[in-house]
PDB file of all heavy atoms in Angstrom:
ATOM      1  N   ASP A   1      -5.674  12.758  -5.465  1.00  0.00           N
ATOM      2  CA  ASP A   1      -5.494  12.155  -6.742  1.00  0.00           C
ATOM      3  C   ASP A   1      -4.140  11.588  -6.826  1.00  0.00           C
ATOM      4  O   ASP A   1      -3.334  11.866  -7.872  1.00  0.00           O
ATOM      5  CB  ASP A   1      -5.828  13.043  -7.944  1.00  0.00           C
ATOM      6  CG  ASP A   1      -4.878  14.297  -7.989  1.00  0.00           C
ATOM      7  OD1 ASP A   1      -4.441  14.615  -6.923  1.00  0.00           O
ATOM      8  OD2 ASP A   1      -4.799  14.799  -9.136  1.00  0.00           O
ATOM      9  N   THR A   2      -3.724  10.729  -5.960  1.00  0.00           N
ATOM     10  CA  THR A   2      -2.364  10.304  -5.774  1.00  0.00           C
ATOM     11  C   THR A   2      -2.091   8.849  -6.310  1.00  0.00           C
ATOM     12  O   THR A   2      -3.011   8.040  -6.303  1.00  0.00           O
ATOM     13  CB  THR A   2      -1.935  10.401  -4.386  1.00  0.00           C
ATOM     14  OG1 THR A   2      -2.773   9.555  -3.554  1.00  0.00           O
ATOM     15  CG2 THR A   2      -2.119  11.857  -3.831  1.00  0.00           C
ATOM     16  N   TYR A   3      -0.916   8.652  -6.734  1.00  0.00           N
ATOM     17  CA  TYR A   3      -0.393   7.318  -6.981  1.00  0.00           C
ATOM     18  C   TYR A   3       1.152   7.284  -6.695  1.00  0.00           C
ATOM     19  O   TYR A   3       1.944   8.116  -7.185  1.00  0.00           O
ATOM     20  CB  TYR A   3      -0.575   7.000  -8.482  1.00  0.00           C
ATOM     21  CG  TYR A   3       0.036   5.714  -8.970  1.00  0.00           C
ATOM     22  CD1 TYR A   3      -0.300   4.453  -8.343  1.00  0.00           C
ATOM     23  CD2 TYR A   3       1.100   5.692  -9.869  1.00  0.00           C
ATOM     24  CE1 TYR A   3       0.266   3.350  -8.702  1.00  0.00           C
ATOM     25  CE2 TYR A   3       1.672   4.473 -10.220  1.00  0.00           C
ATOM     26  CZ  TYR A   3       1.310   3.337  -9.648  1.00  0.00           C
ATOM     27  OH  TYR A   3       1.954   2.097 -10.012  1.00  0.00           O
ATOM     28  N   GLY A   4       1.517   6.329  -5.883  1.00  0.00           N
ATOM     29  CA  GLY A   4       2.916   6.104  -5.698  1.00  0.00           C
ATOM     30  C   GLY A   4       3.660   7.119  -4.747  1.00  0.00           C
ATOM     31  O   GLY A   4       4.753   7.118  -4.671  1.00  0.00           O
ATOM     32  N   THR A   5       2.780   7.965  -4.061  1.00  0.00           N
ATOM     33  CA  THR A   5       3.386   8.847  -3.105  1.00  0.00           C
ATOM     34  C   THR A   5       3.926   8.223  -1.936  1.00  0.00           C
ATOM     35  O   THR A   5       4.745   8.757  -1.176  1.00  0.00           O
ATOM     36  CB  THR A   5       2.335   9.998  -2.712  1.00  0.00           C
ATOM     37  OG1 THR A   5       1.306   9.390  -2.051  1.00  0.00           O
ATOM     38  CG2 THR A   5       1.893  10.817  -3.999  1.00  0.00           C
ATOM     39  N   ARG A   6       3.393   7.023  -1.586  1.00  0.00           N
ATOM     40  CA  ARG A   6       3.844   6.199  -0.479  1.00  0.00           C
ATOM     41  C   ARG A   6       4.041   4.772  -0.946  1.00  0.00           C
ATOM     42  O   ARG A   6       3.407   4.366  -1.804  1.00  0.00           O
ATOM     43  CB  ARG A   6       2.939   6.365   0.779  1.00  0.00           C
ATOM     44  CG  ARG A   6       2.797   7.692   1.432  1.00  0.00           C
ATOM     45  CD  ARG A   6       1.775   7.679   2.391  1.00  0.00           C
ATOM     46  NE  ARG A   6       1.630   8.887   3.098  1.00  0.00           N
ATOM     47  CZ  ARG A   6       0.788   9.180   3.999  1.00  0.00           C
ATOM     48  NH1 ARG A   6      -0.136   8.306   4.371  1.00  0.00           N
ATOM     49  NH2 ARG A   6       0.624  10.370   4.590  1.00  0.00           N
ATOM     50  N   ARG A   7       4.843   3.994  -0.203  1.00  0.00           N
ATOM     51  CA  ARG A   7       4.945   2.666  -0.524  1.00  0.00           C
ATOM     52  C   ARG A   7       4.533   1.693   0.735  1.00  0.00           C
ATOM     53  O   ARG A   7       4.819   2.220   1.866  1.00  0.00           O
ATOM     54  CB  ARG A   7       6.447   2.354  -0.943  1.00  0.00           C
ATOM     55  CG  ARG A   7       6.835   2.863  -2.210  1.00  0.00           C
ATOM     56  CD  ARG A   7       6.575   2.076  -3.367  1.00  0.00           C
ATOM     57  NE  ARG A   7       6.707   2.694  -4.562  1.00  0.00           N
ATOM     58  CZ  ARG A   7       6.599   2.158  -5.805  1.00  0.00           C
ATOM     59  NH1 ARG A   7       6.404   0.715  -5.887  1.00  0.00           N
ATOM     60  NH2 ARG A   7       6.751   2.785  -6.869  1.00  0.00           N
ATOM     61  N   SER A   8       4.032   0.490   0.435  1.00  0.00           N
ATOM     62  CA  SER A   8       3.563  -0.250   1.632  1.00  0.00           C
ATOM     63  C   SER A   8       4.714  -0.710   2.345  1.00  0.00           C
ATOM     64  O   SER A   8       5.850  -0.952   1.839  1.00  0.00           O
ATOM     65  CB  SER A   8       2.775  -1.410   1.039  1.00  0.00           C
ATOM     66  OG  SER A   8       3.512  -2.275   0.194  1.00  0.00           O
ATOM     67  N   ARG A   9       4.595  -0.990   3.687  1.00  0.00           N
ATOM     68  CA  ARG A   9       5.605  -1.493   4.472  1.00  0.00           C
ATOM     69  C   ARG A   9       6.007  -2.970   4.057  1.00  0.00           C
ATOM     70  O   ARG A   9       7.228  -3.331   4.043  1.00  0.00           O
ATOM     71  CB  ARG A   9       5.090  -1.491   5.913  1.00  0.00           C
ATOM     72  CG  ARG A   9       6.108  -1.715   7.018  1.00  0.00           C
ATOM     73  CD  ARG A   9       5.619  -1.545   8.455  1.00  0.00           C
ATOM     74  NE  ARG A   9       4.661  -2.557   8.685  1.00  0.00           N
ATOM     75  CZ  ARG A   9       4.893  -3.583   9.579  1.00  0.00           C
ATOM     76  NH1 ARG A   9       6.017  -3.735  10.157  1.00  0.00           N
ATOM     77  NH2 ARG A   9       3.939  -4.571   9.822  1.00  0.00           N
ATOM     78  N   ILE A  10       5.053  -3.701   3.632  1.00  0.00           N
ATOM     79  CA  ILE A  10       5.265  -5.008   3.174  1.00  0.00           C
ATOM     80  C   ILE A  10       5.278  -5.061   1.680  1.00  0.00           C
ATOM     81  O   ILE A  10       4.242  -4.619   1.023  1.00  0.00           O
ATOM     82  CB  ILE A  10       4.139  -6.027   3.775  1.00  0.00           C
ATOM     83  CG1 ILE A  10       4.108  -5.932   5.297  1.00  0.00           C
ATOM     84  CG2 ILE A  10       4.512  -7.445   3.236  1.00  0.00           C
ATOM     85  CD1 ILE A  10       5.284  -6.396   6.038  1.00  0.00           C
ATOM     86  N   GLY A  11       6.409  -5.394   1.025  1.00  0.00           N
ATOM     87  CA  GLY A  11       6.326  -5.572  -0.418  1.00  0.00           C
ATOM     88  C   GLY A  11       6.606  -4.304  -1.254  1.00  0.00           C
ATOM     89  O   GLY A  11       6.863  -4.332  -2.430  1.00  0.00           O
ATOM     90  N   GLY A  12       6.535  -3.163  -0.604  1.00  0.00           N
ATOM     91  CA  GLY A  12       6.855  -1.946  -1.281  1.00  0.00           C
ATOM     92  C   GLY A  12       5.955  -1.501  -2.304  1.00  0.00           C
ATOM     93  O   GLY A  12       6.432  -0.964  -3.437  1.00  0.00           O
ATOM     94  N   PHE A  13       4.700  -1.828  -2.307  1.00  0.00           N
ATOM     95  CA  PHE A  13       3.765  -1.497  -3.294  1.00  0.00           C
ATOM     96  C   PHE A  13       3.302  -0.014  -3.279  1.00  0.00           C
ATOM     97  O   PHE A  13       3.196   0.576  -2.170  1.00  0.00           O
ATOM     98  CB  PHE A  13       2.399  -2.376  -3.205  1.00  0.00           C
ATOM     99  CG  PHE A  13       2.725  -3.782  -3.493  1.00  0.00           C
ATOM    100  CD1 PHE A  13       2.975  -4.675  -2.452  1.00  0.00           C
ATOM    101  CD2 PHE A  13       2.659  -4.212  -4.796  1.00  0.00           C
ATOM    102  CE1 PHE A  13       3.307  -6.070  -2.763  1.00  0.00           C
ATOM    103  CE2 PHE A  13       2.868  -5.588  -5.038  1.00  0.00           C
ATOM    104  CZ  PHE A  13       3.246  -6.446  -4.133  1.00  0.00           C
ATOM    105  N   PRO A  14       3.008   0.633  -4.400  1.00  0.00           N
ATOM    106  CA  PRO A  14       2.538   1.994  -4.375  1.00  0.00           C
ATOM    107  C   PRO A  14       1.220   2.213  -3.956  1.00  0.00           C
ATOM    108  O   PRO A  14       0.259   1.274  -4.212  1.00  0.00           O
ATOM    109  CB  PRO A  14       2.673   2.415  -5.928  1.00  0.00           C
ATOM    110  CG  PRO A  14       2.559   1.115  -6.580  1.00  0.00           C
ATOM    111  CD  PRO A  14       3.080  -0.035  -5.774  1.00  0.00           C
ATOM    112  N   GLU A  15       0.814   3.194  -3.213  1.00  0.00           N
ATOM    113  CA  GLU A  15      -0.575   3.576  -2.845  1.00  0.00           C
ATOM    114  C   GLU A  15      -1.243   3.933  -4.167  1.00  0.00           C
ATOM    115  O   GLU A  15      -0.630   4.514  -5.031  1.00  0.00           O
ATOM    116  CB  GLU A  15      -0.675   4.685  -1.908  1.00  0.00           C
ATOM    117  CG  GLU A  15       0.016   5.925  -2.143  1.00  0.00           C
ATOM    118  CD  GLU A  15      -0.707   6.870  -3.102  1.00  0.00           C
ATOM    119  OE1 GLU A  15      -2.002   6.698  -3.232  1.00  0.00           O
ATOM    120  OE2 GLU A  15      -0.054   7.705  -3.645  1.00  0.00           O
ATOM    121  N   VAL A  16      -2.545   3.587  -4.265  1.00  0.00           N
ATOM    122  CA  VAL A  16      -3.444   3.964  -5.387  1.00  0.00           C
ATOM    123  C   VAL A  16      -4.585   4.719  -4.816  1.00  0.00           C
ATOM    124  O   VAL A  16      -5.339   4.152  -4.032  1.00  0.00           O
ATOM    125  CB  VAL A  16      -3.917   2.698  -6.125  1.00  0.00           C
ATOM    126  CG1 VAL A  16      -4.701   3.148  -7.335  1.00  0.00           C
ATOM    127  CG2 VAL A  16      -2.691   1.931  -6.580  1.00  0.00           C
ATOM    128  N   LEU A  17      -4.658   6.029  -5.109  1.00  0.00           N
ATOM    129  CA  LEU A  17      -5.708   6.882  -4.527  1.00  0.00           C
ATOM    130  C   LEU A  17      -5.623   6.790  -2.991  1.00  0.00           C
ATOM    131  O   LEU A  17      -6.749   6.810  -2.331  1.00  0.00           O
ATOM    132  CB  LEU A  17      -7.127   6.549  -5.008  1.00  0.00           C
ATOM    133  CG  LEU A  17      -7.455   6.918  -6.481  1.00  0.00           C
ATOM    134  CD1 LEU A  17      -8.720   6.363  -6.932  1.00  0.00           C
ATOM    135  CD2 LEU A  17      -7.388   8.375  -6.760  1.00  0.00           C
ATOM    136  N   GLY A  18      -4.441   6.684  -2.574  1.00  0.00           N
ATOM    137  CA  GLY A  18      -4.282   6.692  -1.040  1.00  0.00           C
ATOM    138  C   GLY A  18      -4.356   5.306  -0.451  1.00  0.00           C
ATOM    139  O   GLY A  18      -4.081   5.078   0.788  1.00  0.00           O
ATOM    140  N   ALA A  19      -4.768   4.257  -1.135  1.00  0.00           N
ATOM    141  CA  ALA A  19      -5.073   2.952  -0.623  1.00  0.00           C
ATOM    142  C   ALA A  19      -3.898   1.951  -0.908  1.00  0.00           C
ATOM    143  O   ALA A  19      -3.430   1.998  -2.050  1.00  0.00           O
ATOM    144  CB  ALA A  19      -6.349   2.463  -1.123  1.00  0.00           C
ATOM    145  N   MET A  20      -3.552   1.125   0.061  1.00  0.00           N
ATOM    146  CA  MET A  20      -2.655   0.141  -0.034  1.00  0.00           C
ATOM    147  C   MET A  20      -3.346  -1.242  -0.320  1.00  0.00           C
ATOM    148  O   MET A  20      -4.499  -1.369  -0.139  1.00  0.00           O
ATOM    149  CB  MET A  20      -1.857   0.003   1.285  1.00  0.00           C
ATOM    150  CG  MET A  20      -1.022   1.133   1.612  1.00  0.00           C
ATOM    151  SD  MET A  20       0.308   1.460   0.362  1.00  0.00           S
ATOM    152  CE  MET A  20       1.091   2.846   1.110  1.00  0.00           C
ATOM    153  N   PRO A  21      -2.579  -2.255  -0.779  1.00  0.00           N
ATOM    154  CA  PRO A  21      -3.187  -3.527  -1.149  1.00  0.00           C
ATOM    155  C   PRO A  21      -3.724  -4.204   0.046  1.00  0.00           C
ATOM    156  O   PRO A  21      -3.034  -4.487   0.993  1.00  0.00           O
ATOM    157  CB  PRO A  21      -2.041  -4.326  -1.795  1.00  0.00           C
ATOM    158  CG  PRO A  21      -0.991  -3.305  -2.151  1.00  0.00           C
ATOM    159  CD  PRO A  21      -1.128  -2.218  -1.186  1.00  0.00           C
ATOM    160  N   ALA A  22      -5.032  -4.638  -0.010  1.00  0.00           N
ATOM    161  CA  ALA A  22      -5.722  -5.148   1.194  1.00  0.00           C
ATOM    162  C   ALA A  22      -5.134  -6.592   1.350  1.00  0.00           C
ATOM    163  O   ALA A  22      -5.299  -7.131   2.419  1.00  0.00           O
ATOM    164  CB  ALA A  22      -7.219  -5.082   0.984  1.00  0.00           C
ATOM    165  N   SER A  23      -4.595  -7.289   0.328  1.00  0.00           N
ATOM    166  CA  SER A  23      -4.104  -8.525   0.512  1.00  0.00           C
ATOM    167  C   SER A  23      -2.958  -8.608   1.527  1.00  0.00           C
ATOM    168  O   SER A  23      -2.599  -9.657   2.045  1.00  0.00           O
ATOM    169  CB  SER A  23      -3.516  -9.069  -0.897  1.00  0.00           C
ATOM    170  OG  SER A  23      -4.528  -9.116  -1.849  1.00  0.00           O
ATOM    171  N   LEU A  24      -2.362  -7.427   1.870  1.00  0.00           N
ATOM    172  CA  LEU A  24      -1.239  -7.435   2.831  1.00  0.00           C
ATOM    173  C   LEU A  24      -1.705  -7.294   4.253  1.00  0.00           C
ATOM    174  O   LEU A  24      -0.844  -7.256   5.239  1.00  0.00           O
ATOM    175  CB  LEU A  24      -0.319  -6.196   2.439  1.00  0.00           C
ATOM    176  CG  LEU A  24       0.276  -6.166   1.079  1.00  0.00           C
ATOM    177  CD1 LEU A  24       0.996  -4.807   0.821  1.00  0.00           C
ATOM    178  CD2 LEU A  24       1.075  -7.381   0.776  1.00  0.00           C
ATOM    179  N   LEU A  25      -3.007  -7.212   4.485  1.00  0.00           N
ATOM    180  CA  LEU A  25      -3.471  -6.890   5.859  1.00  0.00           C
ATOM    181  C   LEU A  25      -2.950  -7.792   6.873  1.00  0.00           C
ATOM    182  O   LEU A  25      -2.484  -7.403   7.954  1.00  0.00           O
ATOM    183  CB  LEU A  25      -5.059  -6.797   5.892  1.00  0.00           C
ATOM    184  CG  LEU A  25      -5.727  -5.421   5.508  1.00  0.00           C
ATOM    185  CD1 LEU A  25      -7.252  -5.748   5.341  1.00  0.00           C
ATOM    186  CD2 LEU A  25      -5.519  -4.484   6.666  1.00  0.00           C
ATOM    187  N   ALA A  26      -3.027  -9.116   6.648  1.00  0.00           N
ATOM    188  CA  ALA A  26      -2.647 -10.074   7.694  1.00  0.00           C
ATOM    189  C   ALA A  26      -1.108  -9.823   7.963  1.00  0.00           C
ATOM    190  O   ALA A  26      -0.629  -9.908   9.167  1.00  0.00           O
ATOM    191  CB  ALA A  26      -2.818 -11.511   7.119  1.00  0.00           C
ATOM    192  N   ASP A  27      -0.342  -9.713   6.935  1.00  0.00           N
ATOM    193  CA  ASP A  27       1.207  -9.611   7.214  1.00  0.00           C
ATOM    194  C   ASP A  27       1.366  -8.121   7.750  1.00  0.00           C
ATOM    195  O   ASP A  27       2.375  -8.083   8.637  1.00  0.00           O
ATOM    196  CB  ASP A  27       1.871  -9.575   5.842  1.00  0.00           C
ATOM    197  CG  ASP A  27       1.924 -11.044   5.359  1.00  0.00           C
ATOM    198  OD1 ASP A  27       1.861 -11.970   6.156  1.00  0.00           O
ATOM    199  OD2 ASP A  27       1.889 -11.177   4.072  1.00  0.00           O
ATOM    200  N   GLU A  28       0.658  -7.114   7.573  1.00  0.00           N
ATOM    201  CA  GLU A  28       0.854  -5.847   8.250  1.00  0.00           C
ATOM    202  C   GLU A  28       0.492  -5.906   9.716  1.00  0.00           C
ATOM    203  O   GLU A  28       1.165  -5.147  10.498  1.00  0.00           O
ATOM    204  CB  GLU A  28      -0.048  -4.761   7.515  1.00  0.00           C
ATOM    205  CG  GLU A  28       0.444  -4.410   6.140  1.00  0.00           C
ATOM    206  CD  GLU A  28       1.686  -3.500   6.136  1.00  0.00           C
ATOM    207  OE1 GLU A  28       2.257  -3.268   7.098  1.00  0.00           O
ATOM    208  OE2 GLU A  28       2.094  -3.097   5.056  1.00  0.00           O
ATOM    209  N   VAL A  29      -0.324  -6.766  10.047  1.00  0.00           N
ATOM    210  CA  VAL A  29      -0.712  -6.970  11.443  1.00  0.00           C
ATOM    211  C   VAL A  29       0.371  -7.858  12.134  1.00  0.00           C
ATOM    212  O   VAL A  29       0.736  -7.515  13.412  1.00  0.00           O
ATOM    213  CB  VAL A  29      -2.097  -7.683  11.646  1.00  0.00           C
ATOM    214  CG1 VAL A  29      -2.302  -7.943  13.095  1.00  0.00           C
ATOM    215  CG2 VAL A  29      -3.204  -6.716  11.141  1.00  0.00           C
TER     216      VAL A  29
END
């Protein structure tokens, strides 16, 4: 039940229930 325990490599977005924004997939690759 997590929010903001990690930040995305691109954009620094908080995880939501462990998930990062899928819109970032292309840039993360």
